[in-house]
């Protein structure tokens, strides 16, 4: 039973987006790799639509199509979103922020390799989302949204951006 993402799934269905969730063994594999439980809202995302997504046709909205938000972006032996954020912080010479990227941080989203969004694994079932963009100069990671659900809602809403705090 869905608890968090009913409105997200309804919007994707209204747009005719084609999506596929992760089987349970993939979710378990992520949790084993990070040695922690994932937040319930994120598990729901993975179960419902976290494996892959596509447009109905080229003129249709695509939801999260084209973003690095799916299973292979967070669970991959070669390169994950978290590796990308660490690399970007090194490139930007942000050792101060790099020190905050520990085993409690889960980087679930990357766009074009220079914008990142993450949550902390100890901040509840629908955690606040923090972010980073290439060249960001402030002293701490800004809170992008108060919850993962709010991040998804803003991302899919025309004229809204969950990344406003990075400007």
Foldseek 3Di string as FASTA:
>chain_A
DDDQCPVVVVVCVVQVKDAAADPPVLQVVLCVVLVAHAAQNVNVCRGHGQADIDGPDPVTDTQCPQWLQHSCQQDPPPHHLLNLVLVLCVVLVPVLANVVPDSQWGWRTDHPSFKTKIFGRPQHNFAFIWIGGRPQDDRYTDGLGRGNSVQSVQVPDPPGHSCPVRD
